[in-house]
Amino acid sequence: MSQVEFHDDKEVVLFDAIPSLDLADFLSGDSQRKASFVKGLGDAFNQVGFVALKNHGLSEELTKRLYTSYQDFFGLDITTKQKYEIAGISGQRGYTGKGKEHAKGRSTGDLKEFYHVGQHVTDGDPIKQEYPDNVFSTEIADMQSASLIAYQTLENSGKNILRAIAIYLNLEENYFDNKVHNGNSILRAIHYYPLIDAGHIPDDAVRAAAHGDINLITLLMGASAEGLQILRKDEKWIPVTALPDQIVVNVGDMLERLTNNRLKSTIHRVVNPPKEKWGDSRYSIPFFMHPRSDMDLTCLSSCIDENNPKHYPDITAGEFLSQRLAEIGLKK
């Protein structure tokens, strides 16, 4: 459901729920279905920045394996978990402990802990030298297999989504392909731990404070509880919900920057549950799709005109990522 309002004489579409799309339409071989998907995706990313997507490639069985692996890992004692916390790599692989990441512009840490799996280079690409090795818990037998399969599945779906975006932007369909081949993408398993056992919680602490994602696009497989909200253009927070067979896909800051704000990296957050649910954990596993570090994020000339002048200085993806990791407390 959506409604149209006018602000400063501009038409603004306000959604009550994020639009739903079927990736099978894009891959169908039917030109009309493909074109309809491209328009639906592009318009949604222009207006609200989020979509719910089915036929994304993840099976129910794989999703369950992955969530079970990380629920088991986060249930380990802190000494065991800290074996996988690696110094000197800005939290880009392995475990990151409670309260160490905060939203840009804040100093209060989010009420979460998380685990990162990165790119697994297998084709001899020299970019492997830029990436730390992945590390997997030896205590959780299925973690490595489930993580790498899910990573590859979501990366493949992400490539197809970016092809649709390229068409929407009147670029060559494969514009993003070489930019995301062996890209610096991250699979992040997040545990929003029970607040009832968290000790002293700062008054302004939340599970994930309002933020935009750093990357090109984010693909989020179903979280274990409610809490995700997005900030609509009228400054109203609305909940994000998806059916069990859907993932949620949203625009990140890199894509917003590349398109000079034509596609929107919508601010979102994960709110604390009502007090009667403070004893519950919440689990979430997003896939942050990044390009290679040398991708040029200079605003596309086709997205610049007299009504929408260039908003951002030129920068590479690697430089932008480094800046943002420092801003959120992961890079010193």
Protein backbone atom coordinates (compact mmCIF):
# COMPACT_ATOMS: atom_id res chain seq x y z
CA MET A 1 0.00 0.00 0.00
CA SER A 2 1.21 3.50 -0.77
CA GLN A 3 -0.03 7.07 -0.84
CA VAL A 4 1.10 10.18 -2.68
CA GLU A 5 1.75 13.51 -1.02
CA PHE A 6 3.35 16.73 -2.24
CA HIS A 7 6.21 18.37 -0.37
CA ASP A 8 7.75 21.58 -1.74
CA ASP A 9 5.66 21.01 -4.89
CA LYS A 10 7.32 17.61 -5.44
CA GLU A 11 5.40 14.36 -5.61
CA VAL A 12 6.42 12.02 -2.77
CA VAL A 13 5.31 8.37 -2.66
CA LEU A 14 4.84 7.09 0.89
CA PHE A 15 4.77 3.33 1.40
CA ASP A 16 3.04 1.57 4.29
CA ALA A 17 4.97 -1.60 3.39
CA ILE A 18 7.92 -2.26 1.14
CA PRO A 19 7.14 -3.47 -2.40
CA SER A 20 7.43 -7.20 -3.24
CA LEU A 21 9.14 -8.51 -6.37
CA ASP A 22 10.02 -11.88 -7.90
CA LEU A 23 13.60 -12.35 -9.16
CA ALA A 24 12.30 -15.16 -11.39
CA ASP A 25 10.69 -12.46 -13.55
CA PHE A 26 14.09 -10.96 -14.32
CA LEU A 27 15.59 -14.37 -15.12
CA SER A 28 12.57 -15.73 -17.02
CA GLY A 29 13.73 -14.99 -20.56
CA ASP A 30 10.44 -13.15 -21.10
CA SER A 31 11.24 -9.57 -22.12
CA GLN A 32 8.03 -8.12 -20.67
CA ARG A 33 8.48 -9.83 -17.30
CA LYS A 34 12.11 -8.72 -17.22
CA ALA A 35 11.23 -5.11 -18.06
CA SER A 36 8.49 -5.09 -15.43
CA PHE A 37 10.94 -6.31 -12.79
CA VAL A 38 13.52 -3.68 -13.76
CA LYS A 39 10.96 -0.88 -13.49
CA GLY A 40 9.55 -2.18 -10.22
CA LEU A 41 12.99 -2.53 -8.66
CA GLY A 42 14.26 0.82 -9.87
CA ASP A 43 11.12 2.71 -8.84
CA ALA A 44 11.16 1.09 -5.39
CA PHE A 45 14.83 1.91 -4.89
CA ASN A 46 14.15 5.48 -6.01
CA GLN A 47 11.15 5.94 -3.73
CA VAL A 48 11.73 3.84 -0.60
CA GLY A 49 15.13 2.12 -1.00
CA PHE A 50 13.85 -1.34 0.03
CA VAL A 51 12.12 -4.33 -1.60
CA ALA A 52 11.07 -7.83 -0.52
CA LEU A 53 12.30 -10.44 -3.00
CA LYS A 54 11.35 -14.06 -3.62
CA ASN A 55 13.09 -16.72 -5.72
CA HIS A 56 16.43 -15.48 -4.47
CA GLY A 57 18.13 -18.88 -4.47
CA LEU A 58 18.33 -19.57 -0.72
CA SER A 59 16.58 -22.75 0.34
CA GLU A 60 14.73 -23.08 3.63
CA GLU A 61 17.12 -25.89 4.57
CA LEU A 62 20.24 -23.77 3.97
CA THR A 63 18.79 -20.81 5.86
CA LYS A 64 18.01 -23.06 8.83
CA ARG A 65 21.53 -24.56 8.75
CA LEU A 66 23.09 -21.12 8.74
CA TYR A 67 20.97 -19.70 11.55
CA THR A 68 21.48 -22.82 13.68
CA SER A 69 25.25 -22.61 13.24
CA TYR A 70 25.45 -19.03 14.44
CA GLN A 71 22.91 -19.43 17.22
CA ASP A 72 25.11 -22.26 18.50
CA PHE A 73 28.24 -20.12 18.15
CA PHE A 74 26.81 -17.12 20.00
CA GLY A 75 25.72 -19.51 22.74
CA LEU A 76 29.34 -20.41 23.50
CA ASP A 77 31.13 -18.88 26.49
CA ILE A 78 32.83 -15.54 25.93
CA THR A 79 36.36 -16.94 26.26
CA THR A 80 35.71 -19.34 23.39
CA LYS A 81 34.13 -16.65 21.22
CA GLN A 82 37.04 -14.30 21.78
CA LYS A 83 39.39 -16.85 20.20
CA TYR A 84 37.87 -15.71 16.91
CA GLU A 85 38.25 -11.96 17.53
CA ILE A 86 41.18 -10.94 15.33
CA ALA A 87 43.18 -7.80 16.07
CA GLY A 88 44.26 -5.38 13.36
CA ILE A 89 41.67 -6.07 10.65
CA SER A 90 38.87 -3.68 11.71
CA GLY A 91 36.48 -6.51 12.50
CA GLN A 92 36.34 -7.65 8.87
CA ARG A 93 36.65 -11.37 9.68
CA GLY A 94 35.58 -13.50 12.62
CA TYR A 95 33.97 -12.36 15.85
CA THR A 96 33.32 -8.82 17.09
CA GLY A 97 32.18 -8.48 20.69
CA LYS A 98 29.32 -6.63 22.32
CA GLY A 99 29.03 -2.87 22.00
CA LYS A 100 32.08 -2.35 19.76
CA GLU A 101 30.23 -0.97 16.74
CA HIS A 102 28.14 2.18 16.78
CA ALA A 103 26.21 4.12 14.17
CA LYS A 104 27.87 7.01 12.37
CA GLY A 105 27.63 10.15 14.47
CA ARG A 106 27.11 8.27 17.76
CA SER A 107 29.44 7.01 20.47
CA THR A 108 27.07 4.62 22.26
CA GLY A 109 27.67 1.06 21.07
CA ASP A 110 24.88 -1.02 19.55
CA LEU A 111 23.46 -3.85 21.67
CA LYS A 112 24.81 -6.67 19.52
CA GLU A 113 27.72 -8.98 18.74
CA PHE A 114 28.46 -10.33 15.28
CA TYR A 115 30.57 -12.61 13.10
CA HIS A 116 31.98 -11.79 9.65
CA VAL A 117 32.68 -14.05 6.68
CA GLY A 118 34.33 -12.43 3.67
CA GLN A 119 35.18 -13.15 0.06
CA HIS A 120 36.55 -16.63 -0.68
CA VAL A 121 38.80 -16.14 -3.73
CA THR A 122 39.31 -19.37 -5.70
CA ASP A 123 40.40 -18.24 -9.18
CA GLY A 124 43.89 -16.90 -8.51
CA ASP A 125 42.73 -13.26 -8.60
CA PRO A 126 45.54 -11.13 -7.07
CA ILE A 127 42.90 -9.18 -5.14
CA LYS A 128 43.10 -12.03 -2.61
CA GLN A 129 46.13 -10.19 -1.17
CA GLU A 130 43.78 -7.42 0.01
CA TYR A 131 41.58 -9.78 2.03
CA PRO A 132 42.25 -11.42 5.41
CA ASP A 133 41.65 -15.16 5.50
CA ASN A 134 38.28 -16.30 6.76
CA VAL A 135 38.19 -17.92 10.18
CA PHE A 136 35.54 -20.40 11.31
CA SER A 137 34.74 -21.78 14.72
CA THR A 138 36.07 -25.32 15.16
CA GLU A 139 33.38 -25.84 17.82
CA ILE A 140 30.55 -25.48 15.26
CA ALA A 141 30.92 -28.20 12.63
CA ASP A 142 28.58 -26.80 9.97
CA MET A 143 29.54 -23.12 10.20
CA GLN A 144 32.08 -23.08 7.36
CA SER A 145 30.05 -25.07 4.83
CA ALA A 146 26.76 -23.28 5.47
CA SER A 147 28.43 -19.84 5.45
CA LEU A 148 30.29 -20.29 2.17
CA ILE A 149 27.28 -21.75 0.34
CA ALA A 150 25.02 -18.95 1.59
CA TYR A 151 27.66 -16.36 0.67
CA GLN A 152 27.91 -17.66 -2.89
CA THR A 153 24.13 -17.90 -3.25
CA LEU A 154 23.49 -14.35 -2.06
CA GLU A 155 26.39 -12.99 -4.11
CA ASN A 156 24.90 -14.55 -7.24
CA SER A 157 21.47 -13.08 -6.50
CA GLY A 158 23.11 -9.72 -5.81
CA LYS A 159 24.80 -9.77 -9.21
CA ASN A 160 21.44 -10.26 -10.90
CA ILE A 161 19.87 -7.44 -8.88
CA LEU A 162 22.73 -5.15 -9.92
CA ARG A 163 22.17 -6.13 -13.57
CA ALA A 164 18.55 -5.02 -13.23
CA ILE A 165 19.70 -1.77 -11.60
CA ALA A 166 22.14 -1.18 -14.46
CA ILE A 167 19.33 -1.50 -17.01
CA TYR A 168 17.16 0.88 -14.96
CA LEU A 169 20.01 3.41 -15.04
CA ASN A 170 20.40 3.02 -18.83
CA LEU A 171 23.81 1.41 -18.42
CA GLU A 172 25.01 -1.80 -20.03
CA GLU A 173 23.37 -4.73 -18.25
CA ASN A 174 26.76 -6.10 -17.16
CA TYR A 175 28.07 -2.71 -15.98
CA PHE A 176 28.60 -3.92 -12.40
CA ASP A 177 29.87 -7.44 -13.20
CA ASN A 178 33.61 -6.78 -13.25
CA LYS A 179 33.27 -4.30 -10.38
CA VAL A 180 31.82 -6.91 -8.00
CA HIS A 181 33.80 -9.96 -9.23
CA ASN A 182 35.60 -11.10 -6.07
CA GLY A 183 34.27 -7.96 -4.40
CA ASN A 184 34.83 -7.14 -0.75
CA SER A 185 31.39 -8.41 0.33
CA ILE A 186 30.62 -9.49 3.88
CA LEU A 187 28.20 -12.05 5.33
CA ARG A 188 27.40 -10.81 8.84
CA ALA A 189 25.70 -13.01 11.43
CA ILE A 190 24.30 -10.77 14.19
CA HIS A 191 23.18 -11.68 17.69
CA TYR A 192 21.10 -9.02 19.43
CA TYR A 193 21.52 -10.46 22.89
CA PRO A 194 18.88 -10.56 25.67
CA LEU A 195 18.71 -7.17 27.36
CA ILE A 196 17.68 -8.67 30.68
CA ASP A 197 21.22 -10.13 31.09
CA ALA A 198 23.11 -7.20 29.59
CA GLY A 199 23.98 -5.37 32.82
CA HIS A 200 23.89 -1.57 32.71
CA ILE A 201 22.46 -0.31 29.42
CA PRO A 202 22.95 3.37 28.51
CA ASP A 203 19.66 5.22 28.22
CA ASP A 204 20.19 5.84 24.49
CA ALA A 205 21.42 2.33 23.61
CA VAL A 206 19.48 0.35 21.00
CA ARG A 207 20.06 -2.89 19.16
CA ALA A 208 21.07 -1.01 16.00
CA ALA A 209 20.86 2.78 15.93
CA ALA A 210 19.60 4.60 12.86
CA HIS A 211 22.05 4.21 9.98
CA GLY A 212 22.53 3.69 6.26
CA ASP A 213 24.50 0.70 5.00
CA ILE A 214 27.96 1.35 3.58
CA ASN A 215 27.87 -0.95 0.54
CA LEU A 216 26.15 -1.17 -2.88
CA ILE A 217 23.18 -3.33 -1.83
CA THR A 218 22.28 -5.42 1.22
CA LEU A 219 20.47 -8.76 1.04
CA LEU A 220 18.87 -9.81 4.34
CA MET A 221 17.51 -13.29 4.93
CA GLY A 222 14.65 -13.54 7.42
CA ALA A 223 15.46 -12.30 10.91
CA SER A 224 14.27 -14.29 13.91
CA ALA A 225 12.09 -11.52 15.37
CA GLU A 226 10.53 -8.17 14.63
CA GLY A 227 12.40 -4.92 15.14
CA LEU A 228 13.68 -3.66 11.78
CA GLN A 229 12.22 -0.27 10.84
CA ILE A 230 12.87 2.19 8.00
CA LEU A 231 12.52 5.97 8.02
CA ARG A 232 9.96 7.09 5.47
CA LYS A 233 10.24 10.41 3.61
CA ASP A 234 7.66 11.98 5.95
CA GLU A 235 9.95 11.12 8.92
CA LYS A 236 7.68 8.29 10.07
CA TRP A 237 9.28 4.96 11.08
CA ILE A 238 7.55 1.93 9.51
CA PRO A 239 8.25 -1.75 10.23
CA VAL A 240 9.86 -3.91 7.56
CA THR A 241 8.25 -7.30 7.15
CA ALA A 242 8.79 -10.05 4.61
CA LEU A 243 7.14 -13.40 3.98
CA PRO A 244 9.08 -16.54 4.95
CA ASP A 245 10.13 -17.18 1.33
CA GLN A 246 11.40 -13.62 0.80
CA ILE A 247 14.59 -11.72 1.54
CA VAL A 248 14.79 -7.96 2.07
CA VAL A 249 17.06 -6.01 -0.30
CA ASN A 250 18.05 -2.39 0.19
CA VAL A 251 20.27 0.27 -1.36
CA GLY A 252 23.54 1.12 0.39
CA ASP A 253 25.43 4.39 0.56
CA MET A 254 27.85 3.45 -2.24
CA LEU A 255 25.01 3.00 -4.74
CA GLU A 256 23.26 6.16 -3.55
CA ARG A 257 26.53 8.03 -4.04
CA LEU A 258 27.18 6.53 -7.49
CA THR A 259 23.68 7.53 -8.64
CA ASN A 260 23.90 11.00 -7.09
CA ASN A 261 20.91 10.24 -4.80
CA ARG A 262 18.70 8.88 -7.58
CA LEU A 263 18.58 5.57 -5.71
CA LYS A 264 18.00 5.98 -1.98
CA SER A 265 20.02 4.52 0.88
CA THR A 266 17.18 4.69 3.36
CA ILE A 267 17.96 5.16 7.05
CA HIS A 268 16.92 2.13 9.11
CA ARG A 269 17.28 0.78 12.64
CA VAL A 270 16.59 -2.21 14.89
CA VAL A 271 14.61 -1.11 17.93
CA ASN A 272 14.66 -2.69 21.36
CA PRO A 273 11.79 -5.10 22.07
CA PRO A 274 9.06 -4.37 24.61
CA LYS A 275 10.22 -5.06 28.17
CA GLU A 276 8.33 -8.35 28.39
CA LYS A 277 10.61 -9.66 25.60
CA TRP A 278 13.93 -8.43 27.04
CA GLY A 279 14.83 -12.03 27.81
CA ASP A 280 14.73 -12.99 24.10
CA SER A 281 17.57 -12.99 21.60
CA ARG A 282 17.19 -11.72 18.05
CA TYR A 283 19.29 -13.10 15.17
CA SER A 284 19.81 -11.56 11.76
CA ILE A 285 22.12 -12.43 8.83
CA PRO A 286 22.58 -9.70 6.20
CA PHE A 287 24.87 -9.97 3.17
CA PHE A 288 26.57 -6.65 2.48
CA MET A 289 27.49 -6.60 -1.21
CA HIS A 290 30.62 -4.55 -1.83
CA PRO A 291 32.55 -3.94 -5.03
CA ARG A 292 36.28 -4.29 -5.47
CA SER A 293 38.21 -1.58 -3.65
CA ASP A 294 39.24 0.20 -6.85
CA MET A 295 35.67 0.80 -8.08
CA ASP A 296 35.20 4.47 -8.93
CA LEU A 297 32.20 5.88 -7.05
CA THR A 298 32.25 9.16 -8.96
CA CYS A 299 28.63 10.19 -9.58
CA LEU A 300 27.36 8.93 -12.92
CA SER A 301 27.11 11.80 -15.41
CA SER A 302 23.65 10.58 -16.42
CA CYS A 303 22.46 11.24 -12.84
CA ILE A 304 23.66 14.86 -12.79
CA ASP A 305 21.69 17.78 -14.22
CA GLU A 306 20.73 21.33 -13.32
CA ASN A 307 17.92 20.09 -11.07
CA ASN A 308 20.17 17.53 -9.38
CA PRO A 309 23.73 18.88 -9.26
CA LYS A 310 26.62 16.66 -8.19
CA HIS A 311 26.37 16.04 -4.44
CA TYR A 312 29.57 14.10 -3.70
CA PRO A 313 33.32 14.45 -4.28
CA ASP A 314 35.04 11.67 -6.24
CA ILE A 315 36.20 8.66 -4.23
CA THR A 316 36.94 4.94 -4.65
CA ALA A 317 35.02 2.21 -2.88
CA GLY A 318 38.07 1.28 -0.83
CA GLU A 319 38.60 4.84 0.35
CA PHE A 320 34.93 5.23 1.22
CA LEU A 321 34.86 1.95 3.17
CA SER A 322 37.96 2.97 5.15
CA GLN A 323 36.33 6.27 6.10
CA ARG A 324 33.11 4.64 7.23
CA LEU A 325 34.79 1.88 9.26
CA ALA A 326 36.51 4.62 11.23
CA GLU A 327 33.23 6.51 11.67
CA ILE A 328 31.44 3.47 13.15
CA GLY A 329 34.25 2.56 15.53
CA LEU A 330 35.69 -0.55 13.88
CA LYS A 331 38.83 1.08 12.48
CA LYS A 332 41.14 3.07 14.72
